[in-house]
Amino acid sequence: MATVISNFSTAFRLPCQIPSSRRFIFKALRPNSNYVLAAKLRASSATIIDIEPIEVENEVGTDKNILACPICYDQLVWNGNPGLSVFSAPRSSLQCNTCKKQYRGNETHIDLTAASGTKEYAESKPVSVELFRTPLVSFLYERGWRQSFLFGGFPGLEKEFELAKDFLKPVLGGNIVDASCGSGLFSRLFARSGLFSLVVALDFSENMLNQCYEFITQEAGFPEENMILVRADICRLPFVSSSIDAVHAGAALHCWPSPSTAVAEISRVLRPGGVFVATTYILDGPFTLVPFRRLLRQNIMQLSGSRIFLSERELKDLCMACGLEGFKCVRNGLFVMISATKPS
């Protein structure tokens, strides 16, 4: 069962009406523990988040040599010194010793898609993916687009970050992939928090990654040495199997063309004990009264390529089918945050 953090009416409050108290949804931190300390975070020009000490429950790996060929899944070899930082990685190149393919960075990120480097070949994705590749949506994402999610029950950046952080406690100190990161709203928070040894901001949209890079250059004192920007397909993740401590996917699960393929890939790359955390929405409650709800969902999915989830059981079934266990979720109106773990 989900933990209900607010009643359904909260989902339709205006942004100024969303409660500001953390007691609205969060547990208190336990005293007398070992903590990772972090400073204030600047999510954007208008958002400041205070990061409190967080208990580190387990030792996790900190190996940064995690990138793999999206064709062979063999570990990539850096040509020259490893460039695991925001500004050095885009100027680096990597090679797969199996298929001999080389992957090169551009001005903002490393392209680790299977079609990387092609000159004539091109392919398009469903509307739900291509929309976020446009310069306009990439520009607007943190300038009103993401903020509009408040009307659907998303509790806001600070509370979403606190929720995710609570689920991620067992893997603090390890690496994290922010999958379908968009313009890097949460990627930058993870990097600034100091809670992870490496943050990988991953998205299929070149323009979203460009926007993320731009925001980073505008933030004074950003810890660029512990973060890289990677272009990749969520259904073909460029990471060595069992090399990732955590995967976060904020407001993305419903946009993936094949959630089962994507979650199976996430399960593959997670280390035993690794944690998957994601947010999406569920059309249940009064929406169960909509006639032919499943038929309508099927038609929408065929037209847009996006997924509409109708129940918590559906999300749990998805995670369990892809080899994850310990499913948990919290709700706020239509909003849901889920968590599942790779078996140890």
C-alpha atoms as a PDB file:
ATOM      1  CA  MET A   1       0.000   0.000   0.000  1.00  0.00           C
ATOM      2  CA  ALA A   2       1.118   3.508  -0.663  1.00  0.00           C
ATOM      3  CA  THR A   3       1.816   6.055   2.025  1.00  0.00           C
ATOM      4  CA  VAL A   4      -0.728   8.798   1.457  1.00  0.00           C
ATOM      5  CA  ILE A   5       0.907  12.154   1.992  1.00  0.00           C
ATOM      6  CA  SER A   6      -1.999  14.413   1.196  1.00  0.00           C
ATOM      7  CA  ASN A   7      -5.575  14.151   0.073  1.00  0.00           C
ATOM      8  CA  PHE A   8      -6.629  14.394  -3.533  1.00  0.00           C
ATOM      9  CA  SER A   9      -7.568  18.058  -3.347  1.00  0.00           C
ATOM     10  CA  THR A  10      -3.915  19.006  -2.839  1.00  0.00           C
ATOM     11  CA  ALA A  11      -3.233  18.098  -6.443  1.00  0.00           C
ATOM     12  CA  PHE A  12      -5.308  20.997  -7.652  1.00  0.00           C
ATOM     13  CA  ARG A  13      -4.135  23.756  -5.362  1.00  0.00           C
ATOM     14  CA  LEU A  14      -2.395  26.747  -6.818  1.00  0.00           C
ATOM     15  CA  PRO A  15       1.406  26.742  -6.349  1.00  0.00           C
ATOM     16  CA  CYS A  16       1.186  29.336  -3.592  1.00  0.00           C
ATOM     17  CA  GLN A  17      -1.255  27.103  -1.730  1.00  0.00           C
ATOM     18  CA  ILE A  18       0.995  24.042  -1.584  1.00  0.00           C
ATOM     19  CA  PRO A  19       1.996  23.626   2.081  1.00  0.00           C
ATOM     20  CA  SER A  20       5.595  24.621   2.766  1.00  0.00           C
ATOM     21  CA  SER A  21       6.193  22.617   5.930  1.00  0.00           C
ATOM     22  CA  ARG A  22       8.311  19.493   5.544  1.00  0.00           C
ATOM     23  CA  ARG A  23       6.052  17.795   8.109  1.00  0.00           C
ATOM     24  CA  PHE A  24       3.567  17.614   5.263  1.00  0.00           C
ATOM     25  CA  ILE A  25       5.343  14.511   3.923  1.00  0.00           C
ATOM     26  CA  PHE A  26       8.698  13.768   5.509  1.00  0.00           C
ATOM     27  CA  LYS A  27      10.081  11.734   8.377  1.00  0.00           C
ATOM     28  CA  ALA A  28      12.464  13.263  10.899  1.00  0.00           C
ATOM     29  CA  LEU A  29      16.129  12.353  10.664  1.00  0.00           C
ATOM     30  CA  ARG A  30      17.491   9.989  13.275  1.00  0.00           C
ATOM     31  CA  PRO A  31      20.119  11.433  15.651  1.00  0.00           C
ATOM     32  CA  ASN A  32      23.468   9.986  16.695  1.00  0.00           C
ATOM     33  CA  SER A  33      24.376   8.513  13.302  1.00  0.00           C
ATOM     34  CA  ASN A  34      27.127   8.864  10.732  1.00  0.00           C
ATOM     35  CA  TYR A  35      26.215  11.621   8.337  1.00  0.00           C
ATOM     36  CA  VAL A  36      27.149  13.018   4.988  1.00  0.00           C
ATOM     37  CA  LEU A  37      27.144  16.786   5.219  1.00  0.00           C
ATOM     38  CA  ALA A  38      26.069  19.052   2.385  1.00  0.00           C
ATOM     39  CA  ALA A  39      25.610  22.737   1.836  1.00  0.00           C
ATOM     40  CA  LYS A  40      22.775  24.736   0.358  1.00  0.00           C
ATOM     41  CA  LEU A  41      21.644  23.810  -3.103  1.00  0.00           C
ATOM     42  CA  ARG A  42      20.650  26.230  -5.819  1.00  0.00           C
ATOM     43  CA  ALA A  43      18.207  24.402  -8.080  1.00  0.00           C
ATOM     44  CA  SER A  44      17.632  27.398 -10.288  1.00  0.00           C
ATOM     45  CA  SER A  45      17.815  31.161 -10.063  1.00  0.00           C
ATOM     46  CA  ALA A  46      14.639  31.120  -7.965  1.00  0.00           C
ATOM     47  CA  THR A  47      15.011  28.019  -5.795  1.00  0.00           C
ATOM     48  CA  ILE A  48      17.201  27.454  -2.742  1.00  0.00           C
ATOM     49  CA  ILE A  49      17.141  24.119  -0.918  1.00  0.00           C
ATOM     50  CA  ASP A  50      18.773  23.392   2.434  1.00  0.00           C
ATOM     51  CA  ILE A  51      20.301  19.920   2.637  1.00  0.00           C
ATOM     52  CA  GLU A  52      20.361  18.459   6.131  1.00  0.00           C
ATOM     53  CA  PRO A  53      22.730  15.732   7.381  1.00  0.00           C
ATOM     54  CA  ILE A  54      21.700  12.288   6.111  1.00  0.00           C
ATOM     55  CA  GLU A  55      22.514   8.946   7.651  1.00  0.00           C
ATOM     56  CA  VAL A  56      24.739   6.658   5.565  1.00  0.00           C
ATOM     57  CA  GLU A  57      23.531   3.147   6.293  1.00  0.00           C
ATOM     58  CA  ASN A  58      25.792   0.992   4.096  1.00  0.00           C
ATOM     59  CA  GLU A  59      29.129   1.066   2.382  1.00  0.00           C
ATOM     60  CA  VAL A  60      28.769   1.343  -1.394  1.00  0.00           C
ATOM     61  CA  GLY A  61      31.169   1.177  -4.296  1.00  0.00           C
ATOM     62  CA  THR A  62      32.771   4.290  -5.728  1.00  0.00           C
ATOM     63  CA  ASP A  63      34.242   2.907  -8.973  1.00  0.00           C
ATOM     64  CA  LYS A  64      33.921   5.599 -11.644  1.00  0.00           C
ATOM     65  CA  ASN A  65      34.901   3.387 -14.588  1.00  0.00           C
ATOM     66  CA  ILE A  66      31.272   2.536 -15.344  1.00  0.00           C
ATOM     67  CA  LEU A  67      30.720   3.575 -18.973  1.00  0.00           C
ATOM     68  CA  ALA A  68      30.083   0.788 -21.484  1.00  0.00           C
ATOM     69  CA  CYS A  69      29.532   0.465 -25.212  1.00  0.00           C
ATOM     70  CA  PRO A  70      25.767   0.582 -25.941  1.00  0.00           C
ATOM     71  CA  ILE A  71      26.327  -2.013 -28.675  1.00  0.00           C
ATOM     72  CA  CYS A  72      28.510  -4.590 -26.874  1.00  0.00           C
ATOM     73  CA  TYR A  73      27.982  -3.586 -23.234  1.00  0.00           C
ATOM     74  CA  ASP A  74      31.743  -3.986 -22.761  1.00  0.00           C
ATOM     75  CA  GLN A  75      33.563  -1.411 -20.674  1.00  0.00           C
ATOM     76  CA  LEU A  76      34.758   1.600 -22.653  1.00  0.00           C
ATOM     77  CA  VAL A  77      38.395   2.666 -22.593  1.00  0.00           C
ATOM     78  CA  TRP A  78      39.241   6.349 -22.312  1.00  0.00           C
ATOM     79  CA  ASN A  79      41.636   7.717 -24.911  1.00  0.00           C
ATOM     80  CA  GLY A  80      43.886   9.710 -22.655  1.00  0.00           C
ATOM     81  CA  ASN A  81      43.065  10.618 -19.077  1.00  0.00           C
ATOM     82  CA  PRO A  82      39.521   9.823 -17.921  1.00  0.00           C
ATOM     83  CA  GLY A  83      37.458  12.975 -18.246  1.00  0.00           C
ATOM     84  CA  LEU A  84      34.901  12.444 -15.512  1.00  0.00           C
ATOM     85  CA  SER A  85      33.834  16.044 -15.053  1.00  0.00           C
ATOM     86  CA  VAL A  86      31.272  18.327 -16.632  1.00  0.00           C
ATOM     87  CA  PHE A  87      33.822  20.348 -18.572  1.00  0.00           C
ATOM     88  CA  SER A  88      36.478  17.757 -19.431  1.00  0.00           C
ATOM     89  CA  ALA A  89      34.284  14.806 -20.449  1.00  0.00           C
ATOM     90  CA  PRO A  90      32.813  16.480 -23.555  1.00  0.00           C
ATOM     91  CA  ARG A  91      36.331  16.974 -24.923  1.00  0.00           C
ATOM     92  CA  SER A  92      37.253  13.327 -24.363  1.00  0.00           C
ATOM     93  CA  SER A  93      36.831  10.218 -26.488  1.00  0.00           C
ATOM     94  CA  LEU A  94      36.239   6.581 -25.615  1.00  0.00           C
ATOM     95  CA  GLN A  95      36.631   3.329 -27.486  1.00  0.00           C
ATOM     96  CA  CYS A  96      35.142  -0.137 -27.269  1.00  0.00           C
ATOM     97  CA  ASN A  97      37.840  -2.800 -27.575  1.00  0.00           C
ATOM     98  CA  THR A  98      35.282  -5.336 -28.789  1.00  0.00           C
ATOM     99  CA  CYS A  99      33.561  -3.595 -31.720  1.00  0.00           C
ATOM    100  CA  LYS A 100      36.272  -0.888 -32.010  1.00  0.00           C
ATOM    101  CA  LYS A 101      33.706   1.887 -32.173  1.00  0.00           C
ATOM    102  CA  GLN A 102      34.777   5.288 -30.881  1.00  0.00           C
ATOM    103  CA  TYR A 103      32.539   7.657 -28.975  1.00  0.00           C
ATOM    104  CA  ARG A 104      33.349  11.351 -28.860  1.00  0.00           C
ATOM    105  CA  GLY A 105      32.089  14.238 -26.816  1.00  0.00           C
ATOM    106  CA  ASN A 106      30.872  17.523 -28.173  1.00  0.00           C
ATOM    107  CA  GLU A 107      30.838  20.888 -26.434  1.00  0.00           C
ATOM    108  CA  THR A 108      28.434  19.866 -23.680  1.00  0.00           C
ATOM    109  CA  HIS A 109      28.118  16.056 -23.365  1.00  0.00           C
ATOM    110  CA  ILE A 110      29.248  12.601 -24.474  1.00  0.00           C
ATOM    111  CA  ASP A 111      27.032  10.861 -27.030  1.00  0.00           C
ATOM    112  CA  LEU A 112      26.732   7.183 -26.076  1.00  0.00           C
ATOM    113  CA  THR A 113      23.777   6.225 -28.249  1.00  0.00           C
ATOM    114  CA  ALA A 114      24.132   3.267 -30.617  1.00  0.00           C
ATOM    115  CA  ALA A 115      23.771   5.619 -33.600  1.00  0.00           C
ATOM    116  CA  SER A 116      26.463   7.977 -32.323  1.00  0.00           C
ATOM    117  CA  GLY A 117      28.739   9.190 -35.112  1.00  0.00           C
ATOM    118  CA  THR A 118      26.386   8.406 -38.020  1.00  0.00           C
ATOM    119  CA  LYS A 119      26.298  10.992 -40.805  1.00  0.00           C
ATOM    120  CA  GLU A 120      23.503   9.838 -43.109  1.00  0.00           C
ATOM    121  CA  TYR A 121      21.380   7.592 -40.918  1.00  0.00           C
ATOM    122  CA  ALA A 122      18.735   9.157 -38.692  1.00  0.00           C
ATOM    123  CA  GLU A 123      15.730   7.863 -36.804  1.00  0.00           C
ATOM    124  CA  SER A 124      12.878   9.431 -34.912  1.00  0.00           C
ATOM    125  CA  LYS A 125      11.281   8.459 -31.630  1.00  0.00           C
ATOM    126  CA  PRO A 126       7.630   8.656 -30.527  1.00  0.00           C
ATOM    127  CA  VAL A 127       6.053  12.068 -29.954  1.00  0.00           C
ATOM    128  CA  SER A 128       6.522  11.734 -26.199  1.00  0.00           C
ATOM    129  CA  VAL A 129      10.289  11.606 -26.771  1.00  0.00           C
ATOM    130  CA  GLU A 130      10.697  13.967 -29.738  1.00  0.00           C
ATOM    131  CA  LEU A 131       8.780  16.742 -27.962  1.00  0.00           C
ATOM    132  CA  PHE A 132      11.546  17.071 -25.387  1.00  0.00           C
ATOM    133  CA  ARG A 133      14.225  17.224 -28.065  1.00  0.00           C
ATOM    134  CA  THR A 134      12.909  20.556 -29.339  1.00  0.00           C
ATOM    135  CA  PRO A 135      14.788  23.729 -28.339  1.00  0.00           C
ATOM    136  CA  LEU A 136      11.577  25.418 -27.196  1.00  0.00           C
ATOM    137  CA  VAL A 137      10.515  22.759 -24.680  1.00  0.00           C
ATOM    138  CA  SER A 138      14.100  22.402 -23.446  1.00  0.00           C
ATOM    139  CA  PHE A 139      14.219  26.146 -22.813  1.00  0.00           C
ATOM    140  CA  LEU A 140      10.825  26.213 -21.093  1.00  0.00           C
ATOM    141  CA  TYR A 141      11.285  23.125 -18.937  1.00  0.00           C
ATOM    142  CA  GLU A 142      12.580  24.951 -15.851  1.00  0.00           C
ATOM    143  CA  ARG A 143      10.883  28.191 -16.816  1.00  0.00           C
ATOM    144  CA  GLY A 144       7.312  27.147 -16.095  1.00  0.00           C
ATOM    145  CA  TRP A 145       6.851  23.694 -17.650  1.00  0.00           C
ATOM    146  CA  ARG A 146       8.054  21.644 -14.657  1.00  0.00           C
ATOM    147  CA  GLN A 147       6.416  24.023 -12.185  1.00  0.00           C
ATOM    148  CA  SER A 148       3.016  23.296 -13.754  1.00  0.00           C
ATOM    149  CA  PHE A 149       3.258  19.724 -12.415  1.00  0.00           C
ATOM    150  CA  LEU A 150       2.069  21.096  -9.067  1.00  0.00           C
ATOM    151  CA  PHE A 151      -1.452  20.987 -10.450  1.00  0.00           C
ATOM    152  CA  GLY A 152      -1.136  17.234 -10.947  1.00  0.00           C
ATOM    153  CA  GLY A 153      -0.085  16.581  -7.366  1.00  0.00           C
ATOM    154  CA  PHE A 154       3.707  16.771  -7.765  1.00  0.00           C
ATOM    155  CA  PRO A 155       4.594  18.280  -4.371  1.00  0.00           C
ATOM    156  CA  GLY A 156       7.384  20.519  -5.626  1.00  0.00           C
ATOM    157  CA  LEU A 157      11.143  20.335  -6.023  1.00  0.00           C
ATOM    158  CA  GLU A 158      12.125  20.483  -2.357  1.00  0.00           C
ATOM    159  CA  LYS A 159       9.678  17.824  -1.193  1.00  0.00           C
ATOM    160  CA  GLU A 160      10.409  15.545  -4.153  1.00  0.00           C
ATOM    161  CA  PHE A 161      14.129  15.806  -3.413  1.00  0.00           C
ATOM    162  CA  GLU A 162      13.558  14.984   0.266  1.00  0.00           C
ATOM    163  CA  LEU A 163      11.423  11.966  -0.636  1.00  0.00           C
ATOM    164  CA  ALA A 164      13.988  10.656  -3.104  1.00  0.00           C
ATOM    165  CA  LYS A 165      16.792  11.217  -0.614  1.00  0.00           C
ATOM    166  CA  ASP A 166      14.967   9.125   1.960  1.00  0.00           C
ATOM    167  CA  PHE A 167      14.635   6.201  -0.474  1.00  0.00           C
ATOM    168  CA  LEU A 168      18.290   6.570  -1.513  1.00  0.00           C
ATOM    169  CA  LYS A 169      19.791   6.417   2.007  1.00  0.00           C
ATOM    170  CA  PRO A 170      21.150   2.852   1.577  1.00  0.00           C
ATOM    171  CA  VAL A 171      23.322   3.926  -1.378  1.00  0.00           C
ATOM    172  CA  LEU A 172      24.519   7.371  -0.332  1.00  0.00           C
ATOM    173  CA  GLY A 173      28.195   7.818  -1.151  1.00  0.00           C
ATOM    174  CA  GLY A 174      27.923   5.756  -4.328  1.00  0.00           C
ATOM    175  CA  ASN A 175      27.184   6.836  -7.891  1.00  0.00           C
ATOM    176  CA  ILE A 176      23.794   7.808  -9.286  1.00  0.00           C
ATOM    177  CA  VAL A 177      22.323   8.059 -12.779  1.00  0.00           C
ATOM    178  CA  ASP A 178      19.644  10.702 -13.210  1.00  0.00           C
ATOM    179  CA  ALA A 179      17.831   9.038 -16.115  1.00  0.00           C
ATOM    180  CA  SER A 180      15.811  11.223 -18.493  1.00  0.00           C
ATOM    181  CA  CYS A 181      17.237  14.144 -16.550  1.00  0.00           C
ATOM    182  CA  GLY A 182      15.818  16.831 -18.837  1.00  0.00           C
ATOM    183  CA  SER A 183      17.583  20.109 -18.175  1.00  0.00           C
ATOM    184  CA  GLY A 184      19.267  18.594 -15.128  1.00  0.00           C
ATOM    185  CA  LEU A 185      17.022  19.947 -12.399  1.00  0.00           C
ATOM    186  CA  PHE A 186      17.641  16.984 -10.077  1.00  0.00           C
ATOM    187  CA  SER A 187      21.071  16.119 -11.514  1.00  0.00           C
ATOM    188  CA  ARG A 188      22.391  19.449 -10.308  1.00  0.00           C
ATOM    189  CA  LEU A 189      20.792  18.954  -6.901  1.00  0.00           C
ATOM    190  CA  PHE A 190      22.410  15.533  -6.537  1.00  0.00           C
ATOM    191  CA  ALA A 191      25.798  16.963  -7.534  1.00  0.00           C
ATOM    192  CA  ARG A 192      25.581  19.961  -5.220  1.00  0.00           C
ATOM    193  CA  SER A 193      24.384  17.858  -2.287  1.00  0.00           C
ATOM    194  CA  GLY A 194      27.717  16.019  -2.027  1.00  0.00           C
ATOM    195  CA  LEU A 195      25.793  12.835  -1.271  1.00  0.00           C
ATOM    196  CA  PHE A 196      27.157  10.892  -4.273  1.00  0.00           C
ATOM    197  CA  SER A 197      30.633  10.165  -5.596  1.00  0.00           C
ATOM    198  CA  LEU A 198      29.518  10.635  -9.215  1.00  0.00           C
ATOM    199  CA  VAL A 199      26.361  11.987 -10.830  1.00  0.00           C
ATOM    200  CA  VAL A 200      25.523  11.027 -14.425  1.00  0.00           C
ATOM    201  CA  ALA A 201      22.977  13.353 -16.022  1.00  0.00           C
ATOM    202  CA  LEU A 202      21.513  11.199 -18.797  1.00  0.00           C
ATOM    203  CA  ASP A 203      18.986  12.127 -21.456  1.00  0.00           C
ATOM    204  CA  PHE A 204      18.210  11.352 -25.099  1.00  0.00           C
ATOM    205  CA  SER A 205      17.587  15.024 -25.879  1.00  0.00           C
ATOM    206  CA  GLU A 206      20.631  16.958 -27.051  1.00  0.00           C
ATOM    207  CA  ASN A 207      18.899  20.260 -26.334  1.00  0.00           C
ATOM    208  CA  MET A 208      18.017  19.258 -22.773  1.00  0.00           C
ATOM    209  CA  LEU A 209      21.653  18.386 -22.107  1.00  0.00           C
ATOM    210  CA  ASN A 210      22.755  21.678 -23.675  1.00  0.00           C
ATOM    211  CA  GLN A 211      20.366  23.491 -21.355  1.00  0.00           C
ATOM    212  CA  CYS A 212      21.712  21.560 -18.370  1.00  0.00           C
ATOM    213  CA  TYR A 213      25.252  22.542 -19.309  1.00  0.00           C
ATOM    214  CA  GLU A 214      24.203  26.184 -19.602  1.00  0.00           C
ATOM    215  CA  PHE A 215      22.646  26.171 -16.124  1.00  0.00           C
ATOM    216  CA  ILE A 216      25.816  24.620 -14.691  1.00  0.00           C
ATOM    217  CA  THR A 217      28.034  27.324 -16.215  1.00  0.00           C
ATOM    218  CA  GLN A 218      25.820  29.938 -14.574  1.00  0.00           C
ATOM    219  CA  GLU A 219      26.155  28.438 -11.076  1.00  0.00           C
ATOM    220  CA  ALA A 220      29.131  29.736  -9.128  1.00  0.00           C
ATOM    221  CA  GLY A 221      31.149  27.040  -7.387  1.00  0.00           C
ATOM    222  CA  PHE A 222      29.362  24.130  -9.034  1.00  0.00           C
ATOM    223  CA  PRO A 223      31.191  20.819  -8.241  1.00  0.00           C
ATOM    224  CA  GLU A 224      31.856  19.935 -11.880  1.00  0.00           C
ATOM    225  CA  GLU A 225      34.451  17.269 -11.047  1.00  0.00           C
ATOM    226  CA  ASN A 226      31.786  14.825  -9.817  1.00  0.00           C
ATOM    227  CA  MET A 227      29.285  15.010 -12.681  1.00  0.00           C
ATOM    228  CA  ILE A 228      29.132  14.135 -16.378  1.00  0.00           C
ATOM    229  CA  LEU A 229      26.477  14.691 -19.031  1.00  0.00           C
ATOM    230  CA  VAL A 230      25.668  11.701 -21.247  1.00  0.00           C
ATOM    231  CA  ARG A 231      23.316  11.326 -24.186  1.00  0.00           C
ATOM    232  CA  ALA A 232      21.879   7.818 -24.223  1.00  0.00           C
ATOM    233  CA  ASP A 233      18.797   5.748 -24.954  1.00  0.00           C
ATOM    234  CA  ILE A 234      16.960   4.693 -21.795  1.00  0.00           C
ATOM    235  CA  CYS A 235      16.370   1.304 -23.425  1.00  0.00           C
ATOM    236  CA  ARG A 236      20.092   0.820 -24.144  1.00  0.00           C
ATOM    237  CA  LEU A 237      21.971   2.165 -21.164  1.00  0.00           C
ATOM    238  CA  PRO A 238      25.736   2.642 -21.703  1.00  0.00           C
ATOM    239  CA  PHE A 239      26.851   1.247 -18.355  1.00  0.00           C
ATOM    240  CA  VAL A 240      28.649  -1.883 -17.259  1.00  0.00           C
ATOM    241  CA  SER A 241      26.281  -4.432 -15.738  1.00  0.00           C
ATOM    242  CA  SER A 242      25.995  -4.189 -11.936  1.00  0.00           C
ATOM    243  CA  SER A 243      28.004  -0.949 -11.799  1.00  0.00           C
ATOM    244  CA  ILE A 244      25.427   1.632 -10.679  1.00  0.00           C
ATOM    245  CA  ASP A 245      24.346   2.276  -7.094  1.00  0.00           C
ATOM    246  CA  ALA A 246      21.217   4.296  -7.829  1.00  0.00           C
ATOM    247  CA  VAL A 247      19.006   5.336 -10.730  1.00  0.00           C
ATOM    248  CA  HIS A 248      16.592   8.249 -10.403  1.00  0.00           C
ATOM    249  CA  ALA A 249      13.966   9.087 -13.014  1.00  0.00           C
ATOM    250  CA  GLY A 250      11.917  12.187 -12.233  1.00  0.00           C
ATOM    251  CA  ALA A 251       8.612  12.604 -14.099  1.00  0.00           C
ATOM    252  CA  ALA A 252       9.900  10.363 -16.889  1.00  0.00           C
ATOM    253  CA  LEU A 253       8.512   6.843 -16.552  1.00  0.00           C
ATOM    254  CA  HIS A 254       5.335   7.701 -18.461  1.00  0.00           C
ATOM    255  CA  CYS A 255       7.346   9.192 -21.350  1.00  0.00           C
ATOM    256  CA  TRP A 256       9.399   6.063 -22.075  1.00  0.00           C
ATOM    257  CA  PRO A 257       8.315   4.197 -25.227  1.00  0.00           C
ATOM    258  CA  SER A 258       8.740   0.853 -23.446  1.00  0.00           C
ATOM    259  CA  PRO A 259       8.831   1.144 -19.650  1.00  0.00           C
ATOM    260  CA  SER A 260       9.443  -2.590 -19.264  1.00  0.00           C
ATOM    261  CA  THR A 261      12.523  -2.497 -21.525  1.00  0.00           C
ATOM    262  CA  ALA A 262      13.816   0.592 -19.714  1.00  0.00           C
ATOM    263  CA  VAL A 263      13.293  -0.808 -16.203  1.00  0.00           C
ATOM    264  CA  ALA A 264      14.888  -4.097 -17.285  1.00  0.00           C
ATOM    265  CA  GLU A 265      17.936  -2.099 -18.410  1.00  0.00           C
ATOM    266  CA  ILE A 266      17.966  -0.245 -15.101  1.00  0.00           C
ATOM    267  CA  SER A 267      17.847  -3.586 -13.296  1.00  0.00           C
ATOM    268  CA  ARG A 268      20.786  -4.813 -15.388  1.00  0.00           C
ATOM    269  CA  VAL A 269      23.053  -1.873 -14.534  1.00  0.00           C
ATOM    270  CA  LEU A 270      22.166  -1.661 -10.834  1.00  0.00           C
ATOM    271  CA  ARG A 271      24.505  -3.299  -8.366  1.00  0.00           C
ATOM    272  CA  PRO A 272      23.013  -5.845  -5.952  1.00  0.00           C
ATOM    273  CA  GLY A 273      21.314  -3.677  -3.367  1.00  0.00           C
ATOM    274  CA  GLY A 274      21.110  -0.770  -5.831  1.00  0.00           C
ATOM    275  CA  VAL A 275      18.033   1.445  -5.688  1.00  0.00           C
ATOM    276  CA  PHE A 276      15.655   2.624  -8.419  1.00  0.00           C
ATOM    277  CA  VAL A 277      13.540   5.702  -7.623  1.00  0.00           C
ATOM    278  CA  ALA A 278      11.058   7.231 -10.057  1.00  0.00           C
ATOM    279  CA  THR A 279       8.112   9.618 -10.140  1.00  0.00           C
ATOM    280  CA  THR A 280       5.100   9.555 -12.425  1.00  0.00           C
ATOM    281  CA  TYR A 281       1.329   9.906 -12.134  1.00  0.00           C
ATOM    282  CA  ILE A 282      -1.543   7.444 -11.755  1.00  0.00           C
ATOM    283  CA  LEU A 283      -5.040   8.056 -13.122  1.00  0.00           C
ATOM    284  CA  ASP A 284      -7.017   6.367 -10.385  1.00  0.00           C
ATOM    285  CA  GLY A 285      -9.481   7.742  -7.836  1.00  0.00           C
ATOM    286  CA  PRO A 286     -12.279   9.590  -9.688  1.00  0.00           C
ATOM    287  CA  PHE A 287     -10.684   8.631 -13.010  1.00  0.00           C
ATOM    288  CA  THR A 288     -11.830   5.056 -12.433  1.00  0.00           C
ATOM    289  CA  LEU A 289     -15.313   6.310 -13.331  1.00  0.00           C
ATOM    290  CA  VAL A 290     -14.246   7.285 -16.857  1.00  0.00           C
ATOM    291  CA  PRO A 291     -15.935   4.918 -19.343  1.00  0.00           C
ATOM    292  CA  PHE A 292     -13.649   2.742 -21.483  1.00  0.00           C
ATOM    293  CA  ARG A 293     -10.629   3.991 -19.538  1.00  0.00           C
ATOM    294  CA  ARG A 294      -8.300   1.222 -20.704  1.00  0.00           C
ATOM    295  CA  LEU A 295      -9.375   1.598 -24.336  1.00  0.00           C
ATOM    296  CA  LEU A 296      -8.752   5.340 -24.186  1.00  0.00           C
ATOM    297  CA  ARG A 297      -5.329   4.686 -22.681  1.00  0.00           C
ATOM    298  CA  GLN A 298      -4.452   2.332 -25.501  1.00  0.00           C
ATOM    299  CA  ASN A 299      -5.413   4.914 -28.136  1.00  0.00           C
ATOM    300  CA  ILE A 300      -3.435   7.661 -26.417  1.00  0.00           C
ATOM    301  CA  MET A 301      -0.400   5.404 -26.144  1.00  0.00           C
ATOM    302  CA  GLN A 302      -0.555   4.551 -29.832  1.00  0.00           C
ATOM    303  CA  LEU A 303      -0.739   8.216 -30.828  1.00  0.00           C
ATOM    304  CA  SER A 304       1.813   9.709 -28.430  1.00  0.00           C
ATOM    305  CA  GLY A 305       4.034   6.824 -27.375  1.00  0.00           C
ATOM    306  CA  SER A 306       3.560   7.775 -23.739  1.00  0.00           C
ATOM    307  CA  ARG A 307       2.271   5.489 -21.000  1.00  0.00           C
ATOM    308  CA  ILE A 308      -0.649   6.112 -18.671  1.00  0.00           C
ATOM    309  CA  PHE A 309      -0.582   4.166 -15.414  1.00  0.00           C
ATOM    310  CA  LEU A 310      -3.910   3.254 -13.847  1.00  0.00           C
ATOM    311  CA  SER A 311      -2.899   1.710 -10.518  1.00  0.00           C
ATOM    312  CA  GLU A 312      -0.073   1.215  -8.036  1.00  0.00           C
ATOM    313  CA  ARG A 313      -0.306  -2.529  -8.685  1.00  0.00           C
ATOM    314  CA  GLU A 314       0.646  -1.908 -12.304  1.00  0.00           C
ATOM    315  CA  LEU A 315       3.862  -0.149 -11.281  1.00  0.00           C
ATOM    316  CA  LYS A 316       4.699  -2.833  -8.732  1.00  0.00           C
ATOM    317  CA  ASP A 317       4.140  -5.534 -11.342  1.00  0.00           C
ATOM    318  CA  LEU A 318       6.445  -3.685 -13.737  1.00  0.00           C
ATOM    319  CA  CYS A 319       9.285  -3.531 -11.197  1.00  0.00           C
ATOM    320  CA  MET A 320       8.892  -7.115 -10.023  1.00  0.00           C
ATOM    321  CA  ALA A 321       8.797  -8.421 -13.621  1.00  0.00           C
ATOM    322  CA  CYS A 322      12.110  -6.664 -14.304  1.00  0.00           C
ATOM    323  CA  GLY A 323      13.954  -8.273 -11.406  1.00  0.00           C
ATOM    324  CA  LEU A 324      13.504  -5.658  -8.695  1.00  0.00           C
ATOM    325  CA  GLU A 325      12.071  -6.213  -5.223  1.00  0.00           C
ATOM    326  CA  GLY A 326      10.952  -4.307  -2.142  1.00  0.00           C
ATOM    327  CA  PHE A 327       8.521  -2.080  -4.031  1.00  0.00           C
ATOM    328  CA  LYS A 328       7.395   1.002  -2.103  1.00  0.00           C
ATOM    329  CA  CYS A 329       5.494   4.100  -3.089  1.00  0.00           C
ATOM    330  CA  VAL A 330       4.141   7.370  -1.702  1.00  0.00           C
ATOM    331  CA  ARG A 331       1.196   9.286  -3.152  1.00  0.00           C
ATOM    332  CA  ASN A 332       0.039  12.877  -3.395  1.00  0.00           C
ATOM    333  CA  GLY A 333      -3.064  13.096  -5.533  1.00  0.00           C
ATOM    334  CA  LEU A 334      -2.139  11.807  -8.986  1.00  0.00           C
ATOM    335  CA  PHE A 335       1.567  11.963  -8.127  1.00  0.00           C
ATOM    336  CA  VAL A 336       3.427   8.822  -7.127  1.00  0.00           C
ATOM    337  CA  MET A 337       7.058   8.207  -6.203  1.00  0.00           C
ATOM    338  CA  ILE A 338       8.122   4.575  -6.387  1.00  0.00           C
ATOM    339  CA  SER A 339      11.206   2.764  -5.144  1.00  0.00           C
ATOM    340  CA  ALA A 340      12.491  -0.756  -5.749  1.00  0.00           C
ATOM    341  CA  THR A 341      15.778  -2.519  -5.088  1.00  0.00           C
ATOM    342  CA  LYS A 342      18.045  -4.915  -6.970  1.00  0.00           C
ATOM    343  CA  PRO A 343      18.212  -8.166  -4.964  1.00  0.00           C
ATOM    344  CA  SER A 344      21.454  -8.587  -3.031  1.00  0.00           C
END
